[in-house]
Amino acid sequence: MIINWIYGPLQGVGGEKGSKVIMEISVLFFGVLAEVTGAHRKHYRSIQSFGDLKHRIEDDFPEIIHYNFRIAVNNKIINEEPLLSHGDEIAYLPPFAGG
């Protein structure tokens, strides 16, 4: 998935001062995960954290929990929940096989 954060000087959706920062996130799914979700890319808005994003994805695609996958942030496989930064690129990657 590709993470695009929209920052303003403490402005929210309507531009009100003091509102929360808005994150707009584009999630990339590969292999069988693209088949499970029916999409290679899905956009999410108003994400608060990586955990929040994970819950939103599981709500949209509950069957995804039955699959093994890894997550890459900026082309690096991660083992722990990442702290996201503006412009991070994240991908949901199923196991790969080849010959």
N, C-alpha and C. Protein backbone atom coordinates (compact mmCIF):
# COMPACT_ATOMS: atom_id res chain seq x y z
N MET A 1 0.82 -1.15 0.00
CA MET A 1 0.00 0.00 0.00
C MET A 1 0.87 1.23 0.00
N ILE A 2 0.37 2.26 -0.58
CA ILE A 2 1.08 3.53 -0.61
C ILE A 2 0.38 4.46 0.35
N ILE A 3 1.11 5.07 1.23
CA ILE A 3 0.51 5.96 2.21
C ILE A 3 0.75 7.39 1.76
N ASN A 4 -0.31 8.11 1.60
CA ASN A 4 -0.22 9.54 1.30
C ASN A 4 -0.90 10.29 2.43
N TRP A 5 -0.18 11.09 3.16
CA TRP A 5 -0.74 11.85 4.27
C TRP A 5 -0.95 13.27 3.79
N ILE A 6 -2.08 13.82 4.12
CA ILE A 6 -2.35 15.21 3.78
C ILE A 6 -2.23 16.02 5.07
N TYR A 7 -1.27 16.92 5.10
CA TYR A 7 -1.04 17.73 6.28
C TYR A 7 -1.47 19.16 6.02
N GLY A 8 -1.99 19.78 7.01
CA GLY A 8 -2.26 21.20 6.97
C GLY A 8 -1.85 21.75 8.31
N PRO A 9 -1.78 23.04 8.46
CA PRO A 9 -1.40 23.58 9.77
C PRO A 9 -2.51 23.37 10.77
N LEU A 10 -2.56 22.14 11.31
CA LEU A 10 -3.60 21.74 12.25
C LEU A 10 -4.99 22.00 11.70
N GLN A 11 -5.19 21.64 10.44
CA GLN A 11 -6.50 21.80 9.83
C GLN A 11 -7.08 20.45 9.51
N GLY A 12 -8.40 20.34 9.61
CA GLY A 12 -9.10 19.11 9.30
C GLY A 12 -9.72 19.18 7.94
N VAL A 13 -10.72 18.35 7.74
CA VAL A 13 -11.38 18.25 6.44
C VAL A 13 -11.91 19.59 5.97
N GLY A 14 -12.60 20.30 6.82
CA GLY A 14 -13.18 21.57 6.42
C GLY A 14 -12.23 22.75 6.60
N GLY A 15 -11.01 22.49 7.04
CA GLY A 15 -10.04 23.56 7.23
C GLY A 15 -10.13 24.22 8.60
N GLU A 16 -10.91 23.62 9.52
CA GLU A 16 -11.03 24.22 10.84
C GLU A 16 -9.72 24.06 11.60
N LYS A 17 -9.29 25.11 12.24
CA LYS A 17 -8.06 25.07 13.04
C LYS A 17 -8.28 24.18 14.25
N GLY A 18 -7.23 23.43 14.63
CA GLY A 18 -7.29 22.59 15.81
C GLY A 18 -7.88 21.21 15.55
N SER A 19 -8.31 20.90 14.32
CA SER A 19 -8.83 19.56 14.05
C SER A 19 -7.69 18.59 13.81
N LYS A 20 -8.02 17.31 13.78
CA LYS A 20 -7.02 16.27 13.60
C LYS A 20 -6.45 16.30 12.18
N VAL A 21 -5.21 15.82 12.06
CA VAL A 21 -4.57 15.69 10.75
C VAL A 21 -5.28 14.58 10.00
N ILE A 22 -5.49 14.78 8.71
CA ILE A 22 -6.18 13.80 7.88
C ILE A 22 -5.15 12.97 7.13
N MET A 23 -5.28 11.65 7.18
CA MET A 23 -4.42 10.78 6.41
C MET A 23 -5.26 10.12 5.32
N GLU A 24 -4.81 10.23 4.10
CA GLU A 24 -5.43 9.52 3.00
C GLU A 24 -4.45 8.43 2.58
N ILE A 25 -4.93 7.19 2.57
CA ILE A 25 -4.04 6.06 2.37
C ILE A 25 -4.51 5.21 1.20
N SER A 26 -3.59 4.83 0.36
CA SER A 26 -3.85 3.93 -0.76
C SER A 26 -3.14 2.61 -0.45
N VAL A 27 -3.90 1.52 -0.39
CA VAL A 27 -3.39 0.21 0.01
C VAL A 27 -3.21 -0.65 -1.23
N LEU A 28 -2.03 -1.24 -1.39
CA LEU A 28 -1.77 -2.14 -2.51
C LEU A 28 -1.82 -3.59 -2.03
N PHE A 29 -2.55 -4.42 -2.76
CA PHE A 29 -2.64 -5.85 -2.46
C PHE A 29 -2.05 -6.62 -3.63
N PHE A 30 -1.27 -7.66 -3.33
CA PHE A 30 -0.62 -8.45 -4.37
C PHE A 30 -1.07 -9.91 -4.30
N GLY A 31 -0.94 -10.60 -5.43
CA GLY A 31 -1.21 -12.04 -5.51
C GLY A 31 -2.60 -12.41 -5.06
N VAL A 32 -2.67 -13.44 -4.23
CA VAL A 32 -3.96 -13.95 -3.76
C VAL A 32 -4.72 -12.89 -2.96
N LEU A 33 -4.00 -11.96 -2.33
CA LEU A 33 -4.67 -10.91 -1.57
C LEU A 33 -5.44 -9.97 -2.48
N ALA A 34 -4.97 -9.77 -3.69
CA ALA A 34 -5.72 -8.98 -4.68
C ALA A 34 -7.00 -9.73 -5.07
N GLU A 35 -6.91 -11.05 -5.16
CA GLU A 35 -8.10 -11.85 -5.47
C GLU A 35 -9.09 -11.80 -4.32
N VAL A 36 -8.61 -11.91 -3.09
CA VAL A 36 -9.48 -11.89 -1.91
C VAL A 36 -10.19 -10.55 -1.77
N THR A 37 -9.47 -9.47 -2.01
CA THR A 37 -10.05 -8.14 -1.85
C THR A 37 -10.81 -7.67 -3.09
N GLY A 38 -10.51 -8.30 -4.22
CA GLY A 38 -11.13 -7.88 -5.46
C GLY A 38 -10.54 -6.59 -6.00
N ALA A 39 -9.37 -6.22 -5.49
CA ALA A 39 -8.74 -4.97 -5.92
C ALA A 39 -7.23 -5.06 -5.74
N HIS A 40 -6.52 -4.34 -6.58
CA HIS A 40 -5.08 -4.21 -6.39
C HIS A 40 -4.77 -2.98 -5.54
N ARG A 41 -5.73 -2.07 -5.46
CA ARG A 41 -5.54 -0.84 -4.71
C ARG A 41 -6.87 -0.42 -4.09
N LYS A 42 -6.81 0.05 -2.85
CA LYS A 42 -8.00 0.59 -2.18
C LYS A 42 -7.57 1.83 -1.42
N HIS A 43 -8.41 2.83 -1.47
CA HIS A 43 -8.10 4.10 -0.79
C HIS A 43 -8.86 4.19 0.54
N TYR A 44 -8.19 4.68 1.55
CA TYR A 44 -8.78 4.90 2.87
C TYR A 44 -8.52 6.35 3.28
N ARG A 45 -9.48 6.93 4.00
CA ARG A 45 -9.34 8.30 4.51
C ARG A 45 -9.48 8.28 6.03
N SER A 46 -8.96 9.31 6.64
CA SER A 46 -9.09 9.53 8.08
C SER A 46 -8.50 8.39 8.91
N ILE A 47 -7.35 7.90 8.51
CA ILE A 47 -6.65 6.85 9.25
C ILE A 47 -5.83 7.50 10.36
N GLN A 48 -5.92 6.93 11.55
CA GLN A 48 -5.22 7.49 12.71
C GLN A 48 -3.85 6.85 12.95
N SER A 49 -3.69 5.55 12.56
CA SER A 49 -2.45 4.82 12.81
C SER A 49 -2.44 3.57 11.94
N PHE A 50 -1.31 2.85 11.98
CA PHE A 50 -1.24 1.61 11.23
C PHE A 50 -2.26 0.60 11.78
N GLY A 51 -2.41 0.54 13.10
CA GLY A 51 -3.40 -0.36 13.72
C GLY A 51 -4.81 -0.03 13.26
N ASP A 52 -5.13 1.24 13.17
CA ASP A 52 -6.44 1.68 12.68
C ASP A 52 -6.63 1.21 11.24
N LEU A 53 -5.62 1.37 10.41
CA LEU A 53 -5.70 0.93 9.02
C LEU A 53 -5.93 -0.58 8.95
N LYS A 54 -5.19 -1.33 9.73
CA LYS A 54 -5.32 -2.79 9.76
C LYS A 54 -6.75 -3.20 10.10
N HIS A 55 -7.34 -2.55 11.10
CA HIS A 55 -8.72 -2.87 11.47
C HIS A 55 -9.70 -2.51 10.36
N ARG A 56 -9.47 -1.40 9.69
CA ARG A 56 -10.35 -1.01 8.58
C ARG A 56 -10.27 -2.02 7.45
N ILE A 57 -9.07 -2.50 7.14
CA ILE A 57 -8.91 -3.50 6.08
C ILE A 57 -9.61 -4.80 6.48
N GLU A 58 -9.45 -5.22 7.73
CA GLU A 58 -10.10 -6.45 8.20
C GLU A 58 -11.61 -6.30 8.23
N ASP A 59 -12.12 -5.11 8.51
CA ASP A 59 -13.57 -4.87 8.45
C ASP A 59 -14.08 -4.96 7.02
N ASP A 60 -13.32 -4.40 6.07
CA ASP A 60 -13.72 -4.43 4.66
C ASP A 60 -13.58 -5.82 4.06
N PHE A 61 -12.54 -6.55 4.48
CA PHE A 61 -12.24 -7.86 3.90
C PHE A 61 -11.96 -8.87 5.02
N PRO A 62 -13.01 -9.31 5.75
CA PRO A 62 -12.78 -10.19 6.91
C PRO A 62 -12.05 -11.49 6.57
N GLU A 63 -12.18 -11.97 5.34
CA GLU A 63 -11.52 -13.22 4.96
C GLU A 63 -10.01 -13.09 4.87
N ILE A 64 -9.49 -11.87 4.86
CA ILE A 64 -8.05 -11.67 4.74
C ILE A 64 -7.28 -12.25 5.93
N ILE A 65 -7.95 -12.36 7.07
CA ILE A 65 -7.26 -12.89 8.26
C ILE A 65 -6.90 -14.36 8.12
N HIS A 66 -7.48 -15.06 7.14
CA HIS A 66 -7.20 -16.47 6.92
C HIS A 66 -5.98 -16.70 6.03
N TYR A 67 -5.33 -15.64 5.60
CA TYR A 67 -4.20 -15.74 4.69
C TYR A 67 -2.92 -15.28 5.39
N ASN A 68 -1.83 -15.91 5.00
CA ASN A 68 -0.52 -15.47 5.46
C ASN A 68 -0.02 -14.37 4.54
N PHE A 69 0.56 -13.35 5.12
CA PHE A 69 1.15 -12.29 4.32
C PHE A 69 2.15 -11.53 5.15
N ARG A 70 3.01 -10.83 4.48
CA ARG A 70 3.98 -9.94 5.11
C ARG A 70 3.64 -8.53 4.69
N ILE A 71 4.17 -7.59 5.42
CA ILE A 71 3.97 -6.19 5.08
C ILE A 71 5.33 -5.55 4.88
N ALA A 72 5.44 -4.82 3.79
CA ALA A 72 6.68 -4.09 3.50
C ALA A 72 6.40 -2.59 3.61
N VAL A 73 7.33 -1.90 4.23
CA VAL A 73 7.27 -0.44 4.33
C VAL A 73 8.51 0.09 3.64
N ASN A 74 8.29 0.91 2.63
CA ASN A 74 9.41 1.46 1.85
C ASN A 74 10.35 0.36 1.38
N ASN A 75 9.77 -0.70 0.82
CA ASN A 75 10.50 -1.84 0.24
C ASN A 75 11.27 -2.67 1.25
N LYS A 76 10.94 -2.56 2.53
CA LYS A 76 11.59 -3.38 3.55
C LYS A 76 10.52 -4.14 4.31
N ILE A 77 10.70 -5.46 4.41
CA ILE A 77 9.78 -6.30 5.16
C ILE A 77 9.88 -5.90 6.64
N ILE A 78 8.73 -5.76 7.28
CA ILE A 78 8.73 -5.38 8.70
C ILE A 78 8.24 -6.55 9.54
N ASN A 79 8.62 -6.57 10.80
CA ASN A 79 8.18 -7.60 11.74
C ASN A 79 7.36 -7.01 12.88
N GLU A 80 7.37 -5.71 13.02
CA GLU A 80 6.63 -5.04 14.08
C GLU A 80 5.74 -3.98 13.46
N GLU A 81 4.76 -3.53 14.23
CA GLU A 81 3.87 -2.48 13.74
C GLU A 81 4.68 -1.20 13.51
N PRO A 82 4.62 -0.67 12.28
CA PRO A 82 5.44 0.51 11.97
C PRO A 82 4.82 1.81 12.46
N LEU A 83 5.68 2.77 12.69
CA LEU A 83 5.25 4.15 12.87
C LEU A 83 5.32 4.76 11.49
N LEU A 84 4.19 5.23 11.01
CA LEU A 84 4.11 5.71 9.63
C LEU A 84 4.50 7.17 9.53
N SER A 85 5.10 7.51 8.41
CA SER A 85 5.48 8.88 8.11
C SER A 85 4.94 9.26 6.75
N HIS A 86 4.86 10.56 6.50
CA HIS A 86 4.39 11.07 5.23
C HIS A 86 5.16 10.43 4.07
N GLY A 87 4.41 9.94 3.08
CA GLY A 87 5.02 9.40 1.88
C GLY A 87 5.48 7.95 1.97
N ASP A 88 5.27 7.28 3.11
CA ASP A 88 5.65 5.87 3.20
C ASP A 88 4.91 5.05 2.16
N GLU A 89 5.54 3.99 1.70
CA GLU A 89 4.92 3.07 0.76
C GLU A 89 4.82 1.71 1.44
N ILE A 90 3.60 1.17 1.50
CA ILE A 90 3.35 -0.08 2.19
C ILE A 90 2.70 -1.06 1.23
N ALA A 91 3.09 -2.33 1.31
CA ALA A 91 2.51 -3.36 0.46
C ALA A 91 2.14 -4.58 1.31
N TYR A 92 0.97 -5.16 1.03
CA TYR A 92 0.56 -6.43 1.62
C TYR A 92 1.02 -7.52 0.65
N LEU A 93 1.92 -8.39 1.11
CA LEU A 93 2.57 -9.36 0.24
C LEU A 93 2.28 -10.79 0.69
N PRO A 94 1.66 -11.59 -0.17
CA PRO A 94 1.46 -13.00 0.16
C PRO A 94 2.78 -13.75 -0.03
N PRO A 95 2.86 -15.02 0.44
CA PRO A 95 4.07 -15.80 0.17
C PRO A 95 4.26 -15.96 -1.34
N PHE A 96 5.49 -15.91 -1.77
CA PHE A 96 5.81 -16.06 -3.18
C PHE A 96 6.51 -17.39 -3.40
N ALA A 97 6.19 -18.02 -4.51
CA ALA A 97 6.85 -19.27 -4.89
C ALA A 97 7.30 -19.12 -6.34
N GLY A 98 8.30 -19.80 -6.67
CA GLY A 98 8.77 -19.70 -8.06
C GLY A 98 9.83 -20.75 -8.34
N GLY A 99 10.21 -20.79 -9.56
CA GLY A 99 11.19 -21.79 -9.90
C GLY A 99 12.15 -21.31 -10.93
